[in-house]
């Protein structure tokens, strides 16, 4: 009984800790976005962690100054360390403006460009590179995710249009013949589109 009570207390403390950690991360995100909006003058701008060098530094000419790398590595706050005191320290630094955005000086942009900060990382190739994608007839070339592909209709379709032409010759209306022909052609076109041989 006592063990169950202690387990409940520990779970409640763990939940409270995780919740406070989440709130602190959200608070840091709001502060960073607010500071970025203030320095750039753009109302709807948000911090982009994965493309920071191209989308924030290169495009807007601002850089984060005073980031505490020894406390929290520079990356997305959501992926940051799970230690609450480190995140609270980062939050205090942003509030006191020890860590802040600042505009780049004229020569800094060229220096960062020479360092290769704005270069795009090469894209990882697709896992199915070299495989012909889509519905292919040859089972060796088809993607393995697709199931067997079978054609369900006959290879040749008999001509059913002669009976309509005979009906016109026997005194039927040309308009009736055209309507029957249009229906037959639309059905045939649907079959051709659906069962390409």
C-alpha atoms as a PDB file:
ATOM      1  CA  UNK A   1       0.000   0.000   0.000  1.00  0.00           C
ATOM      2  CA  UNK A   2       2.786   2.410   0.946  1.00  0.00           C
ATOM      3  CA  UNK A   3       4.690   1.488  -2.212  1.00  0.00           C
ATOM      4  CA  UNK A   4       1.647   2.332  -4.358  1.00  0.00           C
ATOM      5  CA  UNK A   5       1.294   5.730  -2.699  1.00  0.00           C
ATOM      6  CA  UNK A   6       4.983   6.499  -3.250  1.00  0.00           C
ATOM      7  CA  UNK A   7       4.704   5.442  -6.904  1.00  0.00           C
ATOM      8  CA  UNK A   8       1.720   7.780  -7.394  1.00  0.00           C
ATOM      9  CA  UNK A   9       3.643  10.674  -5.810  1.00  0.00           C
ATOM     10  CA  UNK A  10       6.672  10.040  -8.041  1.00  0.00           C
ATOM     11  CA  UNK A  11       4.489   9.831 -11.164  1.00  0.00           C
ATOM     12  CA  UNK A  12       2.787  13.117 -10.242  1.00  0.00           C
ATOM     13  CA  UNK A  13       6.158  14.788  -9.721  1.00  0.00           C
ATOM     14  CA  UNK A  14       7.412  13.401 -13.042  1.00  0.00           C
ATOM     15  CA  UNK A  15       4.303  14.700 -14.821  1.00  0.00           C
ATOM     16  CA  UNK A  16       4.682  18.119 -13.193  1.00  0.00           C
ATOM     17  CA  UNK A  17       8.372  18.234 -14.182  1.00  0.00           C
ATOM     18  CA  UNK A  18       7.605  17.351 -17.807  1.00  0.00           C
ATOM     19  CA  UNK A  19       4.829  19.910 -17.911  1.00  0.00           C
ATOM     20  CA  UNK A  20       7.069  22.647 -16.532  1.00  0.00           C
ATOM     21  CA  UNK A  21       9.761  21.634 -19.035  1.00  0.00           C
ATOM     22  CA  UNK A  22       7.238  21.965 -21.853  1.00  0.00           C
ATOM     23  CA  UNK A  23       6.047  25.355 -20.591  1.00  0.00           C
ATOM     24  CA  UNK A  24       9.619  26.644 -20.331  1.00  0.00           C
ATOM     25  CA  UNK A  25      10.361  25.563 -23.905  1.00  0.00           C
ATOM     26  CA  UNK A  26       7.193  27.312 -25.092  1.00  0.00           C
ATOM     27  CA  UNK A  27       8.150  30.463 -23.178  1.00  0.00           C
ATOM     28  CA  UNK A  28      11.629  30.498 -24.775  1.00  0.00           C
ATOM     29  CA  UNK A  29      10.088  30.062 -28.241  1.00  0.00           C
ATOM     30  CA  UNK A  30       7.736  33.003 -27.636  1.00  0.00           C
ATOM     31  CA  UNK A  31      10.584  35.221 -26.391  1.00  0.00           C
ATOM     32  CA  UNK A  32      12.810  34.353 -29.365  1.00  0.00           C
ATOM     33  CA  UNK A  33      10.009  34.985 -31.866  1.00  0.00           C
ATOM     34  CA  UNK A  34       9.143  38.287 -30.160  1.00  0.00           C
ATOM     35  CA  UNK A  35      12.777  39.459 -30.273  1.00  0.00           C
ATOM     36  CA  UNK A  36      13.074  38.413 -33.919  1.00  0.00           C
ATOM     37  CA  UNK A  37       9.902  40.336 -34.824  1.00  0.00           C
ATOM     38  CA  UNK A  38      11.188  43.385 -32.969  1.00  0.00           C
ATOM     39  CA  UNK A  39      14.555  43.524 -34.737  1.00  0.00           C
ATOM     40  CA  UNK A  40      13.322  42.684 -38.251  1.00  0.00           C
ATOM     41  CA  UNK A  41      10.066  44.641 -38.123  1.00  0.00           C
ATOM     42  CA  UNK A  42       8.215  41.724 -39.736  1.00  0.00           C
ATOM     43  CA  UNK A  43       5.053  40.879 -37.819  1.00  0.00           C
ATOM     44  CA  UNK A  44       4.603  37.203 -38.734  1.00  0.00           C
ATOM     45  CA  UNK A  45       8.220  35.989 -38.761  1.00  0.00           C
ATOM     46  CA  UNK A  46       9.156  32.921 -36.746  1.00  0.00           C
ATOM     47  CA  UNK A  47      12.469  31.375 -35.811  1.00  0.00           C
ATOM     48  CA  UNK A  48      13.553  28.592 -38.181  1.00  0.00           C
ATOM     49  CA  UNK A  49      16.076  26.368 -36.490  1.00  0.00           C
ATOM     50  CA  UNK A  50      16.940  23.974 -39.298  1.00  0.00           C
ATOM     51  CA  UNK A  51      17.437  26.721 -41.896  1.00  0.00           C
ATOM     52  CA  UNK A  52      18.602  29.432 -39.478  1.00  0.00           C
ATOM     53  CA  UNK A  53      21.670  30.496 -41.477  1.00  0.00           C
ATOM     54  CA  UNK A  54      19.826  30.946 -44.781  1.00  0.00           C
ATOM     55  CA  UNK A  55      16.359  32.058 -43.645  1.00  0.00           C
ATOM     56  CA  UNK A  56      17.255  34.276 -40.698  1.00  0.00           C
ATOM     57  CA  UNK A  57      20.884  35.376 -41.025  1.00  0.00           C
ATOM     58  CA  UNK A  58      21.239  35.649 -44.807  1.00  0.00           C
ATOM     59  CA  UNK A  59      17.713  36.835 -45.598  1.00  0.00           C
ATOM     60  CA  UNK A  60      17.217  39.317 -42.736  1.00  0.00           C
ATOM     61  CA  UNK A  61      20.788  40.183 -41.740  1.00  0.00           C
ATOM     62  CA  UNK A  62      20.406  39.365 -38.036  1.00  0.00           C
ATOM     63  CA  UNK A  63      22.270  36.853 -35.911  1.00  0.00           C
ATOM     64  CA  UNK A  64      21.893  35.499 -32.369  1.00  0.00           C
ATOM     65  CA  UNK A  65      24.564  36.956 -30.126  1.00  0.00           C
ATOM     66  CA  UNK A  66      25.549  35.461 -26.777  1.00  0.00           C
ATOM     67  CA  UNK A  67      24.042  31.986 -27.094  1.00  0.00           C
ATOM     68  CA  UNK A  68      25.307  29.920 -24.119  1.00  0.00           C
ATOM     69  CA  UNK A  69      26.733  26.887 -25.977  1.00  0.00           C
ATOM     70  CA  UNK A  70      28.148  25.480 -22.745  1.00  0.00           C
ATOM     71  CA  UNK A  71      24.642  25.350 -21.231  1.00  0.00           C
ATOM     72  CA  UNK A  72      22.405  24.509 -24.201  1.00  0.00           C
ATOM     73  CA  UNK A  73      23.669  23.487 -27.653  1.00  0.00           C
ATOM     74  CA  UNK A  74      22.382  25.658 -30.498  1.00  0.00           C
ATOM     75  CA  UNK A  75      19.478  23.704 -31.978  1.00  0.00           C
ATOM     76  CA  UNK A  76      15.706  23.566 -31.894  1.00  0.00           C
ATOM     77  CA  UNK A  77      14.395  24.163 -28.371  1.00  0.00           C
ATOM     78  CA  UNK A  78      12.097  21.145 -28.745  1.00  0.00           C
ATOM     79  CA  UNK A  79      15.163  18.942 -29.220  1.00  0.00           C
ATOM     80  CA  UNK A  80      17.131  20.677 -26.483  1.00  0.00           C
ATOM     81  CA  UNK A  81      18.286  18.989 -23.337  1.00  0.00           C
ATOM     82  CA  UNK A  82      15.730  17.707 -20.868  1.00  0.00           C
ATOM     83  CA  UNK A  83      17.265  19.528 -17.909  1.00  0.00           C
ATOM     84  CA  UNK A  84      14.910  22.196 -16.618  1.00  0.00           C
ATOM     85  CA  UNK A  85      17.499  24.410 -14.953  1.00  0.00           C
ATOM     86  CA  UNK A  86      19.419  24.787 -18.244  1.00  0.00           C
ATOM     87  CA  UNK A  87      16.317  25.883 -20.101  1.00  0.00           C
ATOM     88  CA  UNK A  88      15.390  28.293 -17.310  1.00  0.00           C
ATOM     89  CA  UNK A  89      18.911  29.737 -17.493  1.00  0.00           C
ATOM     90  CA  UNK A  90      18.474  30.236 -21.246  1.00  0.00           C
ATOM     91  CA  UNK A  91      15.108  31.907 -20.646  1.00  0.00           C
ATOM     92  CA  UNK A  92      16.646  34.321 -18.122  1.00  0.00           C
ATOM     93  CA  UNK A  93      19.470  35.170 -20.552  1.00  0.00           C
ATOM     94  CA  UNK A  94      16.920  36.065 -23.265  1.00  0.00           C
ATOM     95  CA  UNK A  95      14.898  38.186 -20.812  1.00  0.00           C
ATOM     96  CA  UNK A  96      17.997  40.078 -19.632  1.00  0.00           C
ATOM     97  CA  UNK A  97      19.199  40.384 -23.247  1.00  0.00           C
ATOM     98  CA  UNK A  98      22.485  38.636 -22.529  1.00  0.00           C
ATOM     99  CA  UNK A  99      21.418  36.464 -25.448  1.00  0.00           C
ATOM    100  CA  UNK A 100      19.793  38.523 -28.178  1.00  0.00           C
ATOM    101  CA  UNK A 101      19.451  39.178 -31.882  1.00  0.00           C
ATOM    102  CA  UNK A 102      21.719  41.792 -33.376  1.00  0.00           C
ATOM    103  CA  UNK A 103      22.155  43.143 -36.880  1.00  0.00           C
ATOM    104  CA  UNK A 104      25.173  41.980 -38.838  1.00  0.00           C
ATOM    105  CA  UNK A 105      28.006  44.374 -39.514  1.00  0.00           C
ATOM    106  CA  UNK A 106      28.939  44.964 -43.183  1.00  0.00           C
ATOM    107  CA  UNK A 107      31.916  42.570 -43.360  1.00  0.00           C
ATOM    108  CA  UNK A 108      30.353  39.827 -41.245  1.00  0.00           C
ATOM    109  CA  UNK A 109      28.069  38.484 -43.944  1.00  0.00           C
ATOM    110  CA  UNK A 110      30.966  37.872 -46.349  1.00  0.00           C
ATOM    111  CA  UNK A 111      32.960  36.221 -43.555  1.00  0.00           C
ATOM    112  CA  UNK A 112      30.091  33.848 -42.746  1.00  0.00           C
ATOM    113  CA  UNK A 113      29.668  33.088 -46.432  1.00  0.00           C
ATOM    114  CA  UNK A 114      33.367  32.169 -46.727  1.00  0.00           C
ATOM    115  CA  UNK A 115      32.955  29.844 -43.734  1.00  0.00           C
ATOM    116  CA  UNK A 116      30.228  28.032 -45.697  1.00  0.00           C
ATOM    117  CA  UNK A 117      27.387  28.776 -43.278  1.00  0.00           C
ATOM    118  CA  UNK A 118      24.851  29.381 -46.057  1.00  0.00           C
ATOM    119  CA  UNK A 119      25.638  26.283 -48.131  1.00  0.00           C
ATOM    120  CA  UNK A 120      22.806  23.807 -48.521  1.00  0.00           C
ATOM    121  CA  UNK A 121      23.375  20.337 -47.203  1.00  0.00           C
ATOM    122  CA  UNK A 122      23.160  17.676 -49.909  1.00  0.00           C
ATOM    123  CA  UNK A 123      19.807  15.929 -50.042  1.00  0.00           C
ATOM    124  CA  UNK A 124      19.687  12.287 -49.123  1.00  0.00           C
ATOM    125  CA  UNK A 125      18.631  10.187 -52.134  1.00  0.00           C
ATOM    126  CA  UNK A 126      15.327   8.354 -52.080  1.00  0.00           C
ATOM    127  CA  UNK A 127      15.363   4.825 -50.710  1.00  0.00           C
ATOM    128  CA  UNK A 128      13.904   3.469 -53.965  1.00  0.00           C
ATOM    129  CA  UNK A 129      16.353   5.294 -56.253  1.00  0.00           C
ATOM    130  CA  UNK A 130      16.900   3.316 -59.433  1.00  0.00           C
ATOM    131  CA  UNK A 131      13.537   1.556 -59.210  1.00  0.00           C
ATOM    132  CA  UNK A 132      10.985   2.474 -61.835  1.00  0.00           C
ATOM    133  CA  UNK A 133       8.000   3.794 -59.909  1.00  0.00           C
ATOM    134  CA  UNK A 134       4.370   3.509 -60.907  1.00  0.00           C
ATOM    135  CA  UNK A 135       2.396   0.768 -62.620  1.00  0.00           C
ATOM    136  CA  UNK A 136       4.860  -1.113 -64.810  1.00  0.00           C
ATOM    137  CA  UNK A 137       4.060  -4.266 -66.731  1.00  0.00           C
ATOM    138  CA  UNK A 138       7.419  -5.905 -66.155  1.00  0.00           C
ATOM    139  CA  UNK A 139       7.394  -7.337 -62.595  1.00  0.00           C
ATOM    140  CA  UNK A 140      11.182  -6.990 -62.379  1.00  0.00           C
ATOM    141  CA  UNK A 141      11.027  -3.210 -62.910  1.00  0.00           C
ATOM    142  CA  UNK A 142       8.000  -2.522 -60.711  1.00  0.00           C
ATOM    143  CA  UNK A 143       8.245  -1.264 -57.188  1.00  0.00           C
ATOM    144  CA  UNK A 144       7.922  -4.134 -54.727  1.00  0.00           C
ATOM    145  CA  UNK A 145       5.234  -2.295 -52.740  1.00  0.00           C
ATOM    146  CA  UNK A 146       2.682  -2.670 -55.547  1.00  0.00           C
ATOM    147  CA  UNK A 147       0.656  -5.853 -55.747  1.00  0.00           C
ATOM    148  CA  UNK A 148       0.172  -8.032 -58.781  1.00  0.00           C
ATOM    149  CA  UNK A 149      -1.241  -6.180 -61.768  1.00  0.00           C
ATOM    150  CA  UNK A 150      -3.667  -8.145 -63.902  1.00  0.00           C
ATOM    151  CA  UNK A 151      -5.748  -7.055 -66.862  1.00  0.00           C
ATOM    152  CA  UNK A 152      -9.341  -8.119 -66.333  1.00  0.00           C
ATOM    153  CA  UNK A 153     -10.877  -7.308 -69.714  1.00  0.00           C
ATOM    154  CA  UNK A 154     -10.551  -9.175 -72.989  1.00  0.00           C
ATOM    155  CA  UNK A 155      -7.701  -8.210 -75.263  1.00  0.00           C
ATOM    156  CA  UNK A 156     -10.065  -7.528 -78.214  1.00  0.00           C
ATOM    157  CA  UNK A 157     -13.570  -6.052 -77.993  1.00  0.00           C
ATOM    158  CA  UNK A 158     -16.132  -7.044 -80.635  1.00  0.00           C
ATOM    159  CA  UNK A 159     -17.579  -4.261 -82.729  1.00  0.00           C
ATOM    160  CA  UNK A 160     -21.112  -3.608 -81.470  1.00  0.00           C
ATOM    161  CA  UNK A 161     -21.720  -0.475 -83.558  1.00  0.00           C
ATOM    162  CA  UNK A 162     -23.166  -2.192 -86.681  1.00  0.00           C
ATOM    163  CA  UNK A 163     -26.510  -2.949 -85.045  1.00  0.00           C
ATOM    164  CA  UNK A 164     -27.062   0.784 -84.441  1.00  0.00           C
ATOM    165  CA  UNK A 165     -26.273   1.644 -88.055  1.00  0.00           C
ATOM    166  CA  UNK A 166     -28.748  -0.993 -89.214  1.00  0.00           C
ATOM    167  CA  UNK A 167     -31.424   0.585 -87.001  1.00  0.00           C
ATOM    168  CA  UNK A 168     -30.947   3.950 -88.760  1.00  0.00           C
ATOM    169  CA  UNK A 169     -31.211   2.259 -92.168  1.00  0.00           C
ATOM    170  CA  UNK A 170     -34.491   0.650 -91.127  1.00  0.00           C
ATOM    171  CA  UNK A 171     -36.098   4.031 -90.568  1.00  0.00           C
ATOM    172  CA  UNK A 172     -34.896   5.028 -87.099  1.00  0.00           C
ATOM    173  CA  UNK A 173     -34.081   8.618 -86.216  1.00  0.00           C
ATOM    174  CA  UNK A 174     -30.572   9.908 -86.870  1.00  0.00           C
ATOM    175  CA  UNK A 175     -30.675  11.613 -83.461  1.00  0.00           C
ATOM    176  CA  UNK A 176     -31.458   8.292 -81.747  1.00  0.00           C
ATOM    177  CA  UNK A 177     -28.566   6.712 -83.617  1.00  0.00           C
ATOM    178  CA  UNK A 178     -26.201   9.547 -82.587  1.00  0.00           C
ATOM    179  CA  UNK A 179     -27.285   9.279 -78.942  1.00  0.00           C
ATOM    180  CA  UNK A 180     -26.726   5.497 -78.919  1.00  0.00           C
ATOM    181  CA  UNK A 181     -23.375   5.984 -80.645  1.00  0.00           C
ATOM    182  CA  UNK A 182     -22.308   8.629 -78.062  1.00  0.00           C
ATOM    183  CA  UNK A 183     -23.174   6.298 -75.175  1.00  0.00           C
ATOM    184  CA  UNK A 184     -21.317   3.426 -76.803  1.00  0.00           C
ATOM    185  CA  UNK A 185     -18.245   5.595 -77.522  1.00  0.00           C
ATOM    186  CA  UNK A 186     -18.105   6.938 -73.962  1.00  0.00           C
ATOM    187  CA  UNK A 187     -18.289   3.387 -72.595  1.00  0.00           C
ATOM    188  CA  UNK A 188     -15.598   2.250 -74.993  1.00  0.00           C
ATOM    189  CA  UNK A 189     -13.352   5.215 -74.106  1.00  0.00           C
ATOM    190  CA  UNK A 190     -13.813   4.470 -70.403  1.00  0.00           C
ATOM    191  CA  UNK A 191     -12.823   0.857 -71.024  1.00  0.00           C
ATOM    192  CA  UNK A 192      -9.776   1.900 -73.036  1.00  0.00           C
ATOM    193  CA  UNK A 193      -8.620   4.328 -70.336  1.00  0.00           C
ATOM    194  CA  UNK A 194      -9.162   1.759 -67.631  1.00  0.00           C
ATOM    195  CA  UNK A 195      -7.602  -1.275 -69.350  1.00  0.00           C
ATOM    196  CA  UNK A 196      -4.721  -0.038 -71.437  1.00  0.00           C
ATOM    197  CA  UNK A 197      -3.115  -3.011 -73.205  1.00  0.00           C
END
